[in-house]
N, C-alpha and C. Protein backbone atom coordinates (compact mmCIF):
# COMPACT_ATOMS: atom_id res chain seq x y z
N MET A 1 -33.68 2.19 11.63
CA MET A 1 -33.31 2.32 10.02
C MET A 1 -32.69 1.00 8.98
N THR A 2 -33.15 0.94 8.10
CA THR A 2 -32.91 0.08 6.89
C THR A 2 -32.59 0.80 5.98
N ASP A 3 -31.88 -0.09 4.77
CA ASP A 3 -31.55 0.28 3.50
C ASP A 3 -32.22 -0.15 2.49
N PHE A 4 -32.51 0.93 1.87
CA PHE A 4 -33.88 0.51 0.41
C PHE A 4 -33.38 -1.22 -0.41
N ASP A 5 -34.05 -1.38 -0.35
CA ASP A 5 -33.96 -2.90 -1.48
C ASP A 5 -35.14 -3.37 -2.26
N PRO A 6 -35.07 -3.02 -3.44
CA PRO A 6 -36.27 -3.15 -4.47
C PRO A 6 -36.59 -4.81 -4.21
N LEU A 7 -35.54 -5.61 -3.54
CA LEU A 7 -36.07 -7.29 -4.11
C LEU A 7 -37.32 -7.58 -3.07
N ARG A 8 -38.31 -8.34 -3.75
CA ARG A 8 -39.81 -8.93 -3.09
C ARG A 8 -39.19 -9.50 -1.54
N ILE A 9 -38.34 -10.26 -1.56
CA ILE A 9 -38.22 -10.96 -0.25
C ILE A 9 -37.59 -9.75 0.57
N LYS A 10 -36.63 -8.90 0.20
CA LYS A 10 -35.84 -8.20 1.31
C LYS A 10 -36.64 -7.44 1.45
N ARG A 11 -38.17 -7.01 0.92
CA ARG A 11 -39.11 -5.76 1.10
C ARG A 11 -40.22 -6.73 2.02
N ALA A 12 -40.22 -7.93 1.94
CA ALA A 12 -40.93 -8.73 2.82
C ALA A 12 -40.42 -8.28 4.24
N TRP A 13 -39.20 -8.66 4.63
CA TRP A 13 -38.61 -9.19 5.84
C TRP A 13 -38.87 -7.68 6.32
N THR A 14 -38.86 -6.46 5.42
CA THR A 14 -38.67 -5.02 6.21
C THR A 14 -40.10 -4.85 6.65
N GLU A 15 -41.04 -5.83 5.90
CA GLU A 15 -42.53 -5.12 6.41
C GLU A 15 -42.85 -6.02 7.63
N ALA A 16 -42.12 -7.28 7.96
CA ALA A 16 -42.55 -8.06 8.94
C ALA A 16 -41.89 -7.18 10.13
N VAL A 17 -40.62 -6.80 10.00
CA VAL A 17 -40.18 -6.17 11.04
C VAL A 17 -40.92 -5.38 11.63
N LEU A 18 -41.47 -4.42 10.58
CA LEU A 18 -42.08 -2.93 10.91
C LEU A 18 -43.63 -3.18 11.32
N THR A 19 -43.95 -4.65 11.18
CA THR A 19 -45.43 -4.79 12.17
C THR A 19 -45.31 -5.10 12.94
N ARG A 20 -43.53 -5.30 13.88
CA ARG A 20 -43.45 -6.01 15.14
C ARG A 20 -43.07 -5.00 15.94
N ILE A 21 -42.36 -4.12 15.32
CA ILE A 21 -42.02 -2.50 16.32
C ILE A 21 -42.75 -1.61 16.57
N THR A 22 -42.47 -0.91 17.49
CA THR A 22 -43.54 0.42 17.84
C THR A 22 -42.45 1.67 17.68
N CYS A 23 -41.17 1.79 17.27
CA CYS A 23 -40.64 2.90 17.58
C CYS A 23 -40.27 3.49 15.92
N SER A 24 -40.05 4.20 15.58
CA SER A 24 -39.54 5.05 13.91
C SER A 24 -38.43 4.00 13.36
N CYS A 25 -39.25 3.95 12.27
CA CYS A 25 -37.93 3.30 11.35
C CYS A 25 -37.61 4.12 10.06
N PHE A 26 -37.02 4.26 9.98
CA PHE A 26 -36.08 5.06 8.75
C PHE A 26 -35.91 4.45 7.49
N GLU A 27 -36.01 4.71 5.97
CA GLU A 27 -35.42 3.96 5.23
C GLU A 27 -35.00 4.71 4.41
N VAL A 28 -33.74 4.49 4.34
CA VAL A 28 -32.53 5.37 3.24
C VAL A 28 -31.92 4.34 2.02
N ASP A 29 -31.36 4.74 1.01
CA ASP A 29 -31.07 4.21 -0.14
C ASP A 29 -29.64 4.52 0.27
N ALA A 30 -28.60 3.74 0.60
CA ALA A 30 -27.24 3.58 0.92
C ALA A 30 -26.64 2.97 -0.40
N HIS A 31 -26.85 2.32 -1.62
CA HIS A 31 -26.56 1.67 -1.98
C HIS A 31 -25.99 2.07 -3.50
N ASN A 32 -26.94 2.96 -3.46
CA ASN A 32 -27.29 3.81 -4.86
C ASN A 32 -26.66 5.25 -4.73
N LEU A 33 -26.32 5.98 -5.73
CA LEU A 33 -26.00 7.70 -5.73
C LEU A 33 -27.34 8.33 -5.64
N VAL A 34 -27.99 8.07 -6.31
CA VAL A 34 -29.47 8.63 -6.41
C VAL A 34 -30.24 7.75 -5.72
N PRO A 35 -30.87 7.96 -4.77
CA PRO A 35 -31.94 7.50 -4.14
C PRO A 35 -33.01 6.41 -5.39
N CYS A 36 -32.76 5.11 -5.28
CA CYS A 36 -34.28 5.03 -6.39
C CYS A 36 -35.26 5.17 -6.72
N TRP A 37 -36.07 5.81 -5.58
CA TRP A 37 -37.20 6.20 -5.48
C TRP A 37 -37.04 7.34 -6.18
N LEU A 38 -36.41 8.25 -6.31
CA LEU A 38 -36.37 9.61 -6.79
C LEU A 38 -35.15 9.39 -8.24
N ALA A 39 -34.55 8.47 -9.00
CA ALA A 39 -34.46 8.05 -9.76
C ALA A 39 -35.11 8.08 -10.85
N SER A 40 -36.19 7.31 -10.49
CA SER A 40 -37.12 7.10 -11.34
C SER A 40 -38.57 6.70 -10.70
N PRO A 41 -39.59 7.14 -11.55
CA PRO A 41 -41.12 6.60 -10.85
C PRO A 41 -41.35 5.15 -11.09
N LYS A 42 -40.91 4.96 -11.92
CA LYS A 42 -41.51 3.75 -12.38
C LYS A 42 -40.10 2.26 -12.57
N GLN A 43 -40.46 1.30 -12.33
CA GLN A 43 -39.29 0.09 -13.19
C GLN A 43 -38.78 0.35 -14.09
N GLU A 44 -37.53 0.52 -14.32
CA GLU A 44 -36.77 0.82 -15.43
C GLU A 44 -36.12 -0.76 -16.42
N HIS A 45 -35.98 -0.52 -17.56
CA HIS A 45 -35.83 -1.87 -18.14
C HIS A 45 -34.62 -1.85 -18.70
N ALA A 46 -34.39 -0.77 -19.51
CA ALA A 46 -33.19 -0.30 -20.24
C ALA A 46 -32.38 1.00 -19.78
N ALA A 47 -31.22 0.96 -20.16
CA ALA A 47 -30.60 2.45 -19.58
C ALA A 47 -30.57 3.45 -20.38
N TYR A 48 -31.08 3.26 -21.71
CA TYR A 48 -31.50 4.50 -22.33
C TYR A 48 -32.76 5.12 -21.96
N THR A 49 -33.21 4.81 -21.21
CA THR A 49 -34.70 5.59 -20.82
C THR A 49 -34.31 6.23 -19.48
N PHE A 50 -33.40 5.05 -18.81
CA PHE A 50 -32.98 5.48 -17.58
C PHE A 50 -32.04 6.58 -17.39
N ARG A 51 -31.17 6.55 -18.26
CA ARG A 51 -29.90 7.46 -18.27
C ARG A 51 -30.40 9.03 -17.98
N PRO A 52 -30.88 9.40 -18.65
CA PRO A 52 -31.40 10.91 -18.86
C PRO A 52 -32.10 11.12 -17.47
N LYS A 53 -32.96 10.09 -17.04
CA LYS A 53 -33.36 10.62 -15.75
C LYS A 53 -32.60 10.35 -14.39
N LEU A 54 -31.65 9.94 -14.84
CA LEU A 54 -31.01 9.65 -13.90
C LEU A 54 -29.64 10.62 -13.57
N ASN A 55 -29.40 11.04 -14.77
CA ASN A 55 -28.52 12.22 -15.07
C ASN A 55 -29.05 13.47 -14.21
N ARG A 56 -30.07 13.51 -14.94
CA ARG A 56 -31.12 15.01 -14.11
C ARG A 56 -30.58 15.13 -12.64
N ALA A 57 -31.20 13.81 -11.90
CA ALA A 57 -31.29 13.70 -11.06
C ALA A 57 -29.71 13.56 -10.03
N LEU A 58 -28.81 12.99 -10.66
CA LEU A 58 -27.46 13.22 -9.91
C LEU A 58 -26.45 14.13 -9.64
N VAL A 59 -27.35 15.64 -10.56
CA VAL A 59 -26.20 16.75 -10.20
C VAL A 59 -26.70 17.10 -8.80
N SER A 60 -27.74 16.89 -8.37
CA SER A 60 -28.21 16.98 -6.80
C SER A 60 -27.46 16.19 -5.54
N PHE A 61 -26.78 15.04 -6.04
CA PHE A 61 -26.53 13.87 -5.46
C PHE A 61 -24.69 13.69 -5.39
N ILE A 62 -23.88 13.90 -6.20
CA ILE A 62 -22.63 14.13 -6.37
C ILE A 62 -22.05 15.17 -5.79
N GLU A 63 -21.74 14.72 -4.28
CA GLU A 63 -20.97 16.01 -3.86
C GLU A 63 -19.98 15.63 -3.36
N ASP A 64 -18.99 16.26 -2.36
CA ASP A 64 -17.91 16.03 -1.90
C ASP A 64 -18.36 15.67 -0.05
N TYR A 65 -18.22 14.44 0.29
CA TYR A 65 -18.50 14.04 1.59
C TYR A 65 -17.82 14.99 2.69
N PRO A 66 -18.85 15.29 3.73
CA PRO A 66 -18.02 16.81 4.54
C PRO A 66 -17.05 15.93 5.75
N ARG A 67 -16.18 16.62 6.08
CA ARG A 67 -14.91 15.95 6.59
C ARG A 67 -15.60 15.28 8.06
N MET A 68 -15.54 14.66 8.84
CA MET A 68 -15.63 13.94 10.04
C MET A 68 -15.27 14.70 10.84
N ARG A 69 -16.06 14.74 11.85
CA ARG A 69 -15.65 15.60 12.93
C ARG A 69 -15.49 14.71 14.28
N ALA A 70 -14.52 14.71 15.33
CA ALA A 70 -14.34 14.05 16.26
C ALA A 70 -15.72 14.58 17.47
N HIS A 71 -16.22 13.16 18.06
CA HIS A 71 -17.36 13.42 18.64
C HIS A 71 -17.03 13.98 20.22
N PRO A 72 -17.76 14.79 20.51
CA PRO A 72 -17.45 15.51 21.85
C PRO A 72 -17.57 15.26 22.81
N HIS A 73 -17.94 14.05 23.03
CA HIS A 73 -17.64 13.02 24.02
C HIS A 73 -16.93 12.13 23.83
N SER A 74 -16.43 11.51 24.82
CA SER A 74 -15.71 9.76 25.00
C SER A 74 -16.47 9.13 25.67
N TRP A 75 -15.98 7.72 25.27
CA TRP A 75 -16.66 6.57 25.55
C TRP A 75 -16.00 6.29 26.82
N ARG A 76 -16.95 6.43 28.06
CA ARG A 76 -16.63 5.87 29.24
C ARG A 76 -16.68 4.75 29.84
N GLU A 77 -17.17 3.75 29.11
CA GLU A 77 -17.65 2.65 29.03
C GLU A 77 -16.31 1.61 28.95
N PRO A 78 -16.23 0.45 29.82
CA PRO A 78 -14.86 -0.33 29.18
C PRO A 78 -15.16 -0.93 28.23
N GLN A 79 -14.49 -1.27 27.30
CA GLN A 79 -14.53 -1.79 26.47
C GLN A 79 -13.56 -3.42 26.15
N GLU A 80 -14.68 -4.42 26.30
CA GLU A 80 -14.02 -5.76 26.24
C GLU A 80 -13.40 -5.82 24.65
N PRO A 81 -12.33 -7.00 24.99
CA PRO A 81 -11.84 -7.04 23.43
C PRO A 81 -12.86 -8.15 22.71
N ILE A 82 -12.87 -8.00 21.76
CA ILE A 82 -13.72 -9.08 20.62
C ILE A 82 -13.03 -10.32 20.59
N ALA A 83 -13.89 -11.82 20.83
CA ALA A 83 -13.13 -12.51 20.65
C ALA A 83 -13.55 -13.07 19.33
N TRP A 84 -12.65 -12.63 18.39
CA TRP A 84 -12.70 -12.98 16.84
C TRP A 84 -12.82 -14.93 16.90
N GLN A 85 -11.52 -15.12 17.31
CA GLN A 85 -11.97 -16.60 17.13
C GLN A 85 -12.77 -17.71 17.65
N GLY A 86 -13.70 -16.80 18.56
CA GLY A 86 -14.66 -17.63 19.39
C GLY A 86 -16.05 -17.51 18.26
N ILE A 87 -15.70 -16.34 17.28
CA ILE A 87 -16.99 -16.12 16.31
C ILE A 87 -17.14 -16.73 15.36
N GLU A 88 -15.92 -16.82 14.71
CA GLU A 88 -15.21 -17.52 13.77
C GLU A 88 -15.52 -19.48 13.70
N ALA A 89 -15.19 -19.67 15.09
CA ALA A 89 -15.87 -20.89 15.06
C ALA A 89 -17.40 -21.10 15.41
N SER A 90 -17.99 -20.23 15.61
CA SER A 90 -19.35 -20.38 15.78
C SER A 90 -20.05 -20.04 14.47
N LEU A 91 -19.29 -19.87 13.47
CA LEU A 91 -20.13 -19.85 12.04
C LEU A 91 -20.14 -21.28 11.40
N GLN A 92 -21.39 -20.97 11.03
CA GLN A 92 -21.33 -22.32 10.23
C GLN A 92 -21.17 -22.15 8.55
N VAL A 93 -19.98 -22.45 8.42
CA VAL A 93 -19.25 -22.08 6.90
C VAL A 93 -18.69 -23.01 6.53
N ASP A 94 -18.21 -23.28 5.17
CA ASP A 94 -17.08 -24.87 5.01
C ASP A 94 -15.79 -24.16 5.02
N GLN A 95 -15.82 -25.04 6.07
CA GLN A 95 -14.03 -24.64 6.10
C GLN A 95 -13.02 -24.95 5.03
N THR A 96 -13.66 -25.94 4.23
CA THR A 96 -12.76 -26.10 3.32
C THR A 96 -12.49 -25.14 2.38
N VAL A 97 -13.18 -24.28 1.77
CA VAL A 97 -12.86 -23.14 1.25
C VAL A 97 -11.66 -22.50 1.82
N PRO A 98 -10.89 -21.92 0.71
CA PRO A 98 -9.72 -21.20 1.58
C PRO A 98 -10.32 -20.19 1.15
N VAL A 99 -8.99 -19.04 1.67
CA VAL A 99 -9.53 -17.70 1.93
C VAL A 99 -9.30 -16.97 0.45
N VAL A 100 -9.81 -16.25 0.09
CA VAL A 100 -9.36 -15.62 -1.02
C VAL A 100 -8.08 -14.84 -0.52
N GLN A 101 -6.80 -14.99 -1.63
CA GLN A 101 -5.51 -14.25 -1.91
C GLN A 101 -5.61 -12.84 -2.55
N TRP A 102 -6.27 -12.98 -3.66
CA TRP A 102 -5.97 -11.65 -4.42
C TRP A 102 -6.86 -10.57 -3.68
N LEU A 103 -7.51 -10.35 -2.80
CA LEU A 103 -8.11 -9.30 -2.21
C LEU A 103 -7.98 -9.21 -1.12
N GLU A 104 -7.19 -7.70 -0.92
CA GLU A 104 -7.11 -7.47 0.66
C GLU A 104 -8.48 -6.43 0.91
N PRO A 105 -8.85 -6.98 2.37
CA PRO A 105 -10.25 -6.67 2.52
C PRO A 105 -9.99 -4.96 3.22
N GLY A 106 -10.96 -3.95 3.57
CA GLY A 106 -10.68 -2.99 3.98
C GLY A 106 -10.75 -1.59 3.06
N ALA A 107 -11.45 -0.56 4.02
CA ALA A 107 -11.40 0.75 3.32
C ALA A 107 -10.34 1.49 2.39
N THR A 108 -9.34 1.00 3.41
CA THR A 108 -7.87 1.61 3.36
C THR A 108 -7.48 0.82 1.89
N ALA A 109 -7.72 -0.79 1.63
CA ALA A 109 -7.61 -1.14 0.72
C ALA A 109 -7.86 -0.89 -0.74
N ALA A 110 -9.38 -0.84 -0.39
CA ALA A 110 -10.44 0.21 -1.34
C ALA A 110 -10.02 1.23 -2.09
N TYR A 111 -9.56 2.24 -1.12
CA TYR A 111 -8.96 3.28 -1.81
C TYR A 111 -7.25 3.03 -2.46
N ARG A 112 -6.60 2.10 -2.17
CA ARG A 112 -5.66 2.01 -2.97
C ARG A 112 -6.34 1.00 -4.18
N VAL A 113 -6.68 0.54 -4.26
CA VAL A 113 -7.39 -0.15 -5.62
C VAL A 113 -7.68 0.84 -6.39
N LEU A 114 -8.23 1.82 -6.25
CA LEU A 114 -9.00 2.94 -6.56
C LEU A 114 -7.94 4.07 -7.07
N GLN A 115 -7.15 4.24 -6.45
CA GLN A 115 -5.83 5.19 -6.72
C GLN A 115 -5.22 4.23 -7.85
N ALA A 116 -5.03 3.21 -7.68
CA ALA A 116 -4.35 2.35 -9.07
C ALA A 116 -5.18 2.35 -10.15
N PHE A 117 -6.19 2.07 -10.10
CA PHE A 117 -7.10 1.91 -11.22
C PHE A 117 -6.81 3.76 -12.26
N LEU A 118 -7.15 4.59 -11.14
CA LEU A 118 -7.22 5.59 -11.58
C LEU A 118 -6.03 6.50 -12.64
N THR A 119 -4.82 5.77 -12.05
CA THR A 119 -3.23 6.29 -12.33
C THR A 119 -3.10 5.35 -13.16
N ALA A 120 -3.35 3.94 -13.51
CA ALA A 120 -2.88 3.15 -14.45
C ALA A 120 -4.03 2.49 -15.41
N LYS A 121 -5.18 2.45 -15.33
CA LYS A 121 -5.83 1.89 -16.08
C LYS A 121 -7.16 2.39 -17.11
N LEU A 122 -7.28 3.68 -15.82
CA LEU A 122 -8.76 4.78 -16.67
C LEU A 122 -8.46 4.89 -17.92
N ALA A 123 -7.36 5.52 -18.19
CA ALA A 123 -7.16 6.14 -19.93
C ALA A 123 -7.48 5.02 -20.52
N ALA A 124 -6.70 3.74 -20.50
CA ALA A 124 -7.17 2.57 -21.58
C ALA A 124 -8.27 2.35 -21.25
N TYR A 125 -9.70 2.32 -19.87
CA TYR A 125 -10.53 1.66 -19.96
C TYR A 125 -11.59 1.33 -20.85
N PRO A 126 -12.25 2.12 -21.88
CA PRO A 126 -12.92 2.14 -22.89
C PRO A 126 -12.25 0.76 -24.21
N ALA A 127 -11.40 0.50 -23.96
CA ALA A 127 -10.85 -0.35 -24.84
C ALA A 127 -10.83 -1.41 -24.33
N ALA A 128 -9.96 -1.63 -22.82
CA ALA A 128 -9.22 -2.72 -22.34
C ALA A 128 -10.63 -3.46 -21.15
N ARG A 129 -11.46 -2.82 -20.87
CA ARG A 129 -12.41 -3.13 -20.07
C ARG A 129 -13.03 -4.51 -20.18
N ASN A 130 -13.22 -5.15 -21.91
CA ASN A 130 -13.99 -6.16 -22.20
C ASN A 130 -12.85 -7.11 -22.61
N ASP A 131 -11.71 -7.11 -22.94
CA ASP A 131 -10.83 -7.45 -23.54
C ASP A 131 -9.86 -8.61 -22.18
N PRO A 132 -10.19 -10.00 -22.16
CA PRO A 132 -9.80 -10.76 -21.46
C PRO A 132 -8.26 -10.88 -21.17
N ASN A 133 -7.70 -10.27 -22.69
CA ASN A 133 -6.30 -10.50 -22.63
C ASN A 133 -5.52 -9.28 -21.71
N ARG A 134 -6.37 -8.27 -21.38
CA ARG A 134 -5.69 -7.29 -20.61
C ARG A 134 -6.72 -7.17 -19.28
N ASN A 135 -5.51 -6.22 -18.49
CA ASN A 135 -5.84 -6.05 -17.02
C ASN A 135 -6.47 -5.01 -17.12
N GLY A 136 -7.86 -4.88 -17.59
CA GLY A 136 -8.46 -3.39 -17.78
C GLY A 136 -9.58 -2.90 -16.90
N THR A 137 -10.15 -3.88 -16.02
CA THR A 137 -11.18 -3.82 -15.22
C THR A 137 -10.64 -2.68 -13.77
N SER A 138 -11.54 -2.55 -13.26
CA SER A 138 -11.55 -1.80 -12.36
C SER A 138 -10.79 -2.31 -10.82
N ASN A 139 -11.25 -3.75 -10.75
CA ASN A 139 -11.39 -4.34 -9.93
C ASN A 139 -11.93 -3.72 -8.03
N LEU A 140 -12.88 -3.11 -8.69
CA LEU A 140 -13.80 -2.42 -7.55
C LEU A 140 -14.86 -2.88 -6.78
N SER A 141 -15.50 -3.86 -7.81
CA SER A 141 -16.84 -4.36 -7.68
C SER A 141 -17.03 -5.00 -6.16
N PRO A 142 -15.94 -5.62 -6.06
CA PRO A 142 -16.12 -6.29 -4.35
C PRO A 142 -16.11 -5.03 -3.05
N TYR A 143 -14.98 -4.33 -3.38
CA TYR A 143 -15.43 -3.15 -2.42
C TYR A 143 -16.82 -2.49 -2.53
N LEU A 144 -17.48 -1.89 -3.74
CA LEU A 144 -18.76 -1.74 -3.64
C LEU A 144 -19.58 -2.08 -3.27
N HIS A 145 -19.92 -3.53 -3.41
CA HIS A 145 -20.39 -4.30 -3.00
C HIS A 145 -20.48 -4.68 -1.57
N PHE A 146 -19.47 -4.74 -1.01
CA PHE A 146 -19.37 -4.83 0.41
C PHE A 146 -19.66 -3.81 1.20
N GLY A 147 -19.58 -2.51 0.58
CA GLY A 147 -19.93 -1.08 1.43
C GLY A 147 -18.40 -0.61 1.69
N GLN A 148 -17.38 -1.24 1.35
CA GLN A 148 -16.20 -0.72 2.26
C GLN A 148 -15.59 0.52 1.07
N LEU A 149 -16.28 0.84 -0.13
CA LEU A 149 -16.36 1.65 -1.23
C LEU A 149 -17.37 2.50 -1.85
N ALA A 150 -17.48 3.79 -1.21
CA ALA A 150 -18.87 4.02 -2.00
C ALA A 150 -18.73 4.43 -3.78
N ALA A 151 -19.80 4.51 -4.31
CA ALA A 151 -20.10 4.62 -5.75
C ALA A 151 -19.98 6.06 -5.64
N GLN A 152 -20.33 7.19 -4.69
CA GLN A 152 -20.42 8.20 -5.02
C GLN A 152 -18.81 8.62 -5.35
N ARG A 153 -17.84 7.81 -3.62
CA ARG A 153 -16.72 8.39 -3.49
C ARG A 153 -15.79 8.02 -5.22
N VAL A 154 -15.99 7.01 -5.72
CA VAL A 154 -15.63 6.73 -6.60
C VAL A 154 -15.83 7.73 -7.81
N ALA A 155 -16.91 7.68 -7.87
CA ALA A 155 -17.61 8.99 -9.35
C ALA A 155 -16.78 10.30 -9.03
N ARG A 156 -16.84 10.39 -7.44
CA ARG A 156 -15.75 12.03 -7.49
C ARG A 156 -14.52 12.02 -7.79
N GLU A 157 -14.01 11.03 -7.49
CA GLU A 157 -12.53 10.55 -7.91
C GLU A 157 -12.25 10.94 -9.38
N VAL A 158 -13.28 9.82 -10.10
CA VAL A 158 -13.09 9.95 -11.38
C VAL A 158 -13.14 11.21 -11.91
N GLN A 159 -13.92 11.86 -11.72
CA GLN A 159 -14.44 13.45 -12.49
C GLN A 159 -12.99 14.41 -11.69
N LYS A 160 -12.38 14.28 -10.89
CA LYS A 160 -11.33 14.97 -10.14
C LYS A 160 -10.14 14.29 -10.89
N CYS A 161 -10.14 12.96 -11.31
CA CYS A 161 -8.67 13.04 -12.23
C CYS A 161 -8.49 12.90 -13.67
N GLU A 162 -7.17 13.38 -13.48
CA GLU A 162 -6.74 13.81 -15.10
C GLU A 162 -6.49 12.29 -15.73
N ALA A 163 -7.46 12.38 -16.72
CA ALA A 163 -7.72 11.22 -17.73
C ALA A 163 -8.81 11.42 -18.50
N PRO A 164 -8.85 10.97 -19.85
CA PRO A 164 -9.38 11.34 -21.25
C PRO A 164 -10.83 11.37 -21.03
N ALA A 165 -11.73 12.31 -21.62
CA ALA A 165 -13.22 12.58 -20.96
C ALA A 165 -13.77 11.47 -21.72
N GLU A 166 -13.67 10.61 -22.44
CA GLU A 166 -13.98 9.64 -23.07
C GLU A 166 -13.88 8.30 -21.96
N SER A 167 -12.73 8.10 -21.39
CA SER A 167 -12.50 7.00 -20.56
C SER A 167 -13.11 7.29 -19.13
N LYS A 168 -13.31 8.83 -18.99
CA LYS A 168 -14.30 8.80 -17.36
C LYS A 168 -15.70 8.63 -17.76
N ALA A 169 -16.16 9.05 -19.04
CA ALA A 169 -17.88 8.96 -19.34
C ALA A 169 -17.85 7.41 -19.17
N ALA A 170 -17.30 6.53 -20.22
CA ALA A 170 -17.20 5.05 -19.94
C ALA A 170 -17.19 4.17 -18.95
N PHE A 171 -16.15 4.89 -17.93
CA PHE A 171 -16.56 4.32 -16.50
C PHE A 171 -17.60 4.76 -15.81
N LEU A 172 -17.46 5.97 -15.61
CA LEU A 172 -18.97 6.43 -15.04
C LEU A 172 -20.14 5.83 -15.47
N GLU A 173 -20.45 5.70 -16.94
CA GLU A 173 -21.63 4.73 -17.50
C GLU A 173 -21.94 3.83 -16.65
N GLU A 174 -20.73 2.99 -16.39
CA GLU A 174 -20.89 1.24 -16.05
C GLU A 174 -20.90 1.44 -14.45
N VAL A 175 -20.50 2.71 -13.75
CA VAL A 175 -20.47 2.73 -12.18
C VAL A 175 -21.39 3.53 -11.84
N ILE A 176 -22.27 4.26 -12.06
CA ILE A 176 -23.60 4.95 -11.94
C ILE A 176 -24.90 4.03 -13.12
N VAL A 177 -24.96 4.60 -14.00
CA VAL A 177 -26.00 4.26 -14.92
C VAL A 177 -26.11 2.63 -14.76
N ARG A 178 -25.24 1.75 -14.97
CA ARG A 178 -25.75 0.42 -15.31
C ARG A 178 -25.44 -0.10 -14.26
N ARG A 179 -24.92 0.24 -13.28
CA ARG A 179 -24.81 -0.58 -11.57
C ARG A 179 -26.10 -0.30 -10.81
N GLU A 180 -26.86 1.18 -11.18
CA GLU A 180 -28.18 1.59 -10.77
C GLU A 180 -29.17 0.77 -11.42
N LEU A 181 -29.16 0.64 -12.36
CA LEU A 181 -30.47 -0.09 -13.07
C LEU A 181 -30.39 -1.04 -12.62
N CYS A 182 -29.16 -1.81 -12.36
CA CYS A 182 -29.41 -3.30 -11.89
C CYS A 182 -30.10 -3.55 -10.52
């Protein structure tokens, strides 16, 4: 299984793998709310042409996630502890770059940032998002980029929260239309 990516280099990587395997391979679009190939049949260059197509398709794709169920069978194999220190030591990275301090990683932290945005910032989002003197952005980008929070989850939570319709619309424009256009 692979995740869809429109970039030529990543498409080439996928094609190279497909020529070397004999098993089935399925492509999904886990990055976007609406799969890219369903949002528009052509390459879009402007939000004003893409928005109506995306909004028509969006109705079918924004729905609540089903509840997770426990797997009926337990894992019986012994689990070896992960040697994180050895893995970190094997990485070829610049060790002089300090650890990011302002961002707590993980899905739980992502959900906390989302809830803080919904309760404290969303109402003022249209006026505050582009003002560098105000703390008006959502701070969700790293969590969305690295898959610790799904754009679909964000959209559903925004739709359900108590905030002015104008604020919801402005933020959903950014997290859905602008993000997917990119």
